[in-house]
Amino acid sequence: MAKLLPILMLLIGIGGGIGAGIMLAPAPEESEVAAAGEGHDASHEENAEEHAEEDAAEDENAEPNEFIKINNQFVIPVVERDQMTAMVVLSLSLETKPGMSGKVHSFEPKLRDVFLRVLFDHANMGGFRGAFTRSEILDPLRTSLREEARRFLGSDLVDVLILEITRQDV
């Protein structure tokens, strides 16, 4: 019973956070704009600026890419020797060409399903053990997420961004 209590409290806390996020979420138009400015550190901003400059040089009349936040976080259990040892919580956003928000939202259930499959596979291969935030660990995960999303959204999907990632050991 003592081992079950922390897991139960963690799940209640995650559920409460998700519920609060849903209840307090702005309208979809506002969340897409807000997602463009959330969760980026300086290196991501520098990379985004470099890509923006390259894109602008190619076509000065092109519209900037959209950032569409995937509703709700992804909660991934980390299982070792048939026991849950940690929970990983991720928030994802999609960078797309302009005008894709309707298509993204219509495919969101399918996208969540394939993203969960990729994330569960990553967890089962040990991807969330140790220093799981190193770029050599996260880059293959990003690539897999992007490839799966392109099956539904095509080449209009530019990238899948990991906005937040945390691991809670139990």
Protein backbone atom coordinates (compact mmCIF):
# COMPACT_ATOMS: atom_id res chain seq x y z
CA MET A 1 0.00 0.00 0.00
CA ALA A 2 2.88 2.37 0.81
CA LYS A 3 4.33 1.87 -2.69
CA LEU A 4 0.96 2.46 -4.33
CA LEU A 5 0.31 5.81 -2.61
CA PRO A 6 3.04 7.83 -4.46
CA ILE A 7 1.89 6.42 -7.80
CA LEU A 8 -1.72 7.28 -6.99
CA MET A 9 -0.75 10.81 -5.92
CA LEU A 10 1.29 11.26 -9.11
CA LEU A 11 -1.60 10.18 -11.30
CA ILE A 12 -4.03 12.45 -9.42
CA GLY A 13 -1.62 15.36 -9.79
CA ILE A 14 -1.12 14.74 -13.50
CA GLY A 15 -4.88 14.37 -14.01
CA GLY A 16 -5.52 17.59 -12.13
CA GLY A 17 -2.90 19.43 -14.16
CA ILE A 18 -4.31 18.17 -17.43
CA GLY A 19 -7.85 19.08 -16.32
CA ALA A 20 -6.75 22.57 -15.30
CA GLY A 21 -4.92 23.00 -18.59
CA ILE A 22 -8.01 22.03 -20.55
CA MET A 23 -10.26 24.30 -18.52
CA LEU A 24 -7.92 27.29 -18.71
CA ALA A 25 -6.79 26.83 -22.32
CA PRO A 26 -7.41 29.84 -24.59
CA ALA A 27 -9.40 29.60 -27.80
CA PRO A 28 -7.59 27.61 -30.57
CA GLU A 29 -6.56 30.73 -32.50
CA GLU A 30 -4.85 32.18 -29.42
CA SER A 31 -3.16 28.91 -28.46
CA GLU A 32 -1.55 28.55 -31.87
CA VAL A 33 -0.02 32.00 -31.60
CA ALA A 34 1.00 31.42 -27.97
CA ALA A 35 2.62 28.09 -28.82
CA ALA A 36 4.99 29.87 -31.19
CA GLY A 37 6.53 31.73 -28.26
CA GLU A 38 6.43 29.03 -25.55
CA GLY A 39 9.07 26.58 -24.49
CA HIS A 40 11.98 27.80 -26.60
CA ASP A 41 15.39 28.30 -25.10
CA ALA A 42 18.08 30.49 -26.60
CA SER A 43 19.53 27.76 -28.83
CA HIS A 44 16.10 26.95 -30.28
CA GLU A 45 15.49 30.65 -30.91
CA GLU A 46 18.83 30.96 -32.68
CA ASN A 47 18.04 27.90 -34.84
CA ALA A 48 14.59 29.27 -35.60
CA GLU A 49 16.10 32.62 -36.58
CA GLU A 50 18.60 30.90 -38.89
CA HIS A 51 15.84 28.88 -40.54
CA ALA A 52 13.66 31.97 -40.85
CA GLU A 53 16.49 33.88 -42.52
CA GLU A 54 17.10 31.00 -44.95
CA ASP A 55 13.40 30.75 -45.76
CA ALA A 56 13.14 34.52 -46.25
CA ALA A 57 16.11 34.48 -48.59
CA GLU A 58 14.44 31.78 -50.70
CA ASP A 59 11.11 33.55 -51.00
CA GLU A 60 10.54 36.99 -49.54
CA ASN A 61 6.77 36.74 -50.11
CA ALA A 62 6.35 33.45 -48.22
CA GLU A 63 4.22 33.42 -45.08
CA PRO A 64 5.93 32.31 -41.85
CA ASN A 65 5.35 28.79 -40.58
CA GLU A 66 2.59 28.11 -38.06
CA PHE A 67 3.14 26.49 -34.67
CA ILE A 68 0.22 24.32 -33.58
CA LYS A 69 0.28 22.98 -30.04
CA ILE A 70 -1.04 19.46 -29.58
CA ASN A 71 -3.78 19.59 -26.95
CA ASN A 72 -2.98 17.79 -23.69
CA GLN A 73 0.33 16.38 -22.59
CA PHE A 74 1.61 12.89 -23.28
CA VAL A 75 2.16 10.71 -20.20
CA ILE A 76 4.51 7.78 -20.76
CA PRO A 77 5.22 5.12 -18.11
CA VAL A 78 8.79 3.86 -17.87
CA VAL A 79 8.74 0.15 -17.05
CA GLU A 80 11.74 -1.89 -15.91
CA ARG A 81 11.54 -5.56 -14.89
CA ASP A 82 7.73 -5.48 -15.11
CA GLN A 83 7.46 -2.54 -12.69
CA MET A 84 6.80 1.12 -13.39
CA THR A 85 9.87 3.08 -12.30
CA ALA A 86 9.06 6.55 -13.67
CA MET A 87 6.56 8.66 -15.56
CA VAL A 88 7.58 10.96 -18.42
CA VAL A 89 5.37 13.89 -19.35
CA LEU A 90 5.84 15.64 -22.71
CA SER A 91 4.23 18.56 -24.51
CA LEU A 92 4.49 18.64 -28.30
CA SER A 93 3.90 21.28 -30.93
CA LEU A 94 3.90 21.01 -34.72
CA GLU A 95 5.61 23.44 -37.05
CA THR A 96 3.64 23.51 -40.30
CA LYS A 97 3.28 25.57 -43.41
CA PRO A 98 0.53 28.22 -43.15
CA GLY A 99 -3.11 27.13 -43.22
CA MET A 100 -2.65 23.67 -41.70
CA SER A 101 -4.34 24.15 -38.32
CA GLY A 102 -7.70 22.74 -39.48
CA LYS A 103 -6.07 19.64 -40.94
CA VAL A 104 -3.92 19.15 -37.83
CA HIS A 105 -6.93 19.39 -35.51
CA SER A 106 -8.96 17.00 -37.66
CA PHE A 107 -6.15 14.42 -37.53
CA GLU A 108 -5.29 15.03 -33.87
CA PRO A 109 -6.69 11.71 -32.56
CA LYS A 110 -4.65 9.78 -35.15
CA LEU A 111 -1.59 11.92 -34.47
CA ARG A 112 -1.88 11.34 -30.70
CA ASP A 113 -2.15 7.59 -31.33
CA VAL A 114 0.97 7.39 -33.51
CA PHE A 115 2.88 9.76 -31.21
CA LEU A 116 2.04 7.53 -28.24
CA ARG A 117 3.24 4.46 -30.13
CA VAL A 118 6.55 6.16 -30.92
CA LEU A 119 6.91 7.40 -27.33
CA PHE A 120 6.10 3.97 -25.84
CA ASP A 121 8.63 2.32 -28.19
CA HIS A 122 11.22 4.93 -27.19
CA ALA A 123 10.52 4.23 -23.49
CA ASN A 124 10.70 0.46 -23.99
CA MET A 125 14.09 0.80 -25.69
CA GLY A 126 15.42 2.69 -22.65
CA GLY A 127 15.22 6.14 -24.23
CA PHE A 128 13.97 7.79 -21.02
CA ARG A 129 16.63 6.29 -18.71
CA GLY A 130 19.66 8.20 -17.51
CA ALA A 131 20.49 11.48 -19.26
CA PHE A 132 17.46 11.23 -21.53
CA THR A 133 17.52 14.92 -22.55
CA ARG A 134 20.83 14.69 -24.43
CA SER A 135 20.42 15.66 -28.07
CA GLU A 136 21.77 12.32 -29.34
CA ILE A 137 18.93 10.64 -27.43
CA LEU A 138 16.15 13.09 -28.35
CA ASP A 139 17.07 13.63 -32.02
CA PRO A 140 16.05 10.10 -33.13
CA LEU A 141 12.81 10.52 -31.15
CA ARG A 142 12.06 13.82 -32.92
CA THR A 143 12.82 12.20 -36.28
CA SER A 144 10.45 9.29 -35.58
CA LEU A 145 7.69 11.66 -34.43
CA ARG A 146 8.15 13.82 -37.56
CA GLU A 147 8.08 10.81 -39.91
CA GLU A 148 4.88 9.45 -38.35
CA ALA A 149 3.17 12.85 -38.46
CA ARG A 150 4.10 13.28 -42.14
CA ARG A 151 2.15 10.09 -42.93
CA PHE A 152 -1.01 12.09 -42.14
CA LEU A 153 -0.01 15.69 -42.86
CA GLY A 154 2.39 15.25 -45.76
CA SER A 155 5.26 17.58 -46.55
CA ASP A 156 3.36 20.58 -45.12
CA LEU A 157 4.61 19.40 -41.71
CA VAL A 158 7.98 21.05 -41.13
CA ASP A 159 8.91 19.63 -37.72
CA VAL A 160 7.68 18.20 -34.42
CA LEU A 161 8.88 20.24 -31.45
CA ILE A 162 9.28 18.96 -27.90
CA LEU A 163 8.21 21.94 -25.81
CA GLU A 164 8.43 20.36 -22.36
CA ILE A 165 9.73 17.07 -21.03
CA THR A 166 9.93 15.88 -17.44
CA ARG A 167 10.52 12.55 -15.77
CA GLN A 168 9.20 11.73 -12.31
CA ASP A 169 10.76 8.68 -10.70
CA VAL A 170 8.38 6.63 -8.55
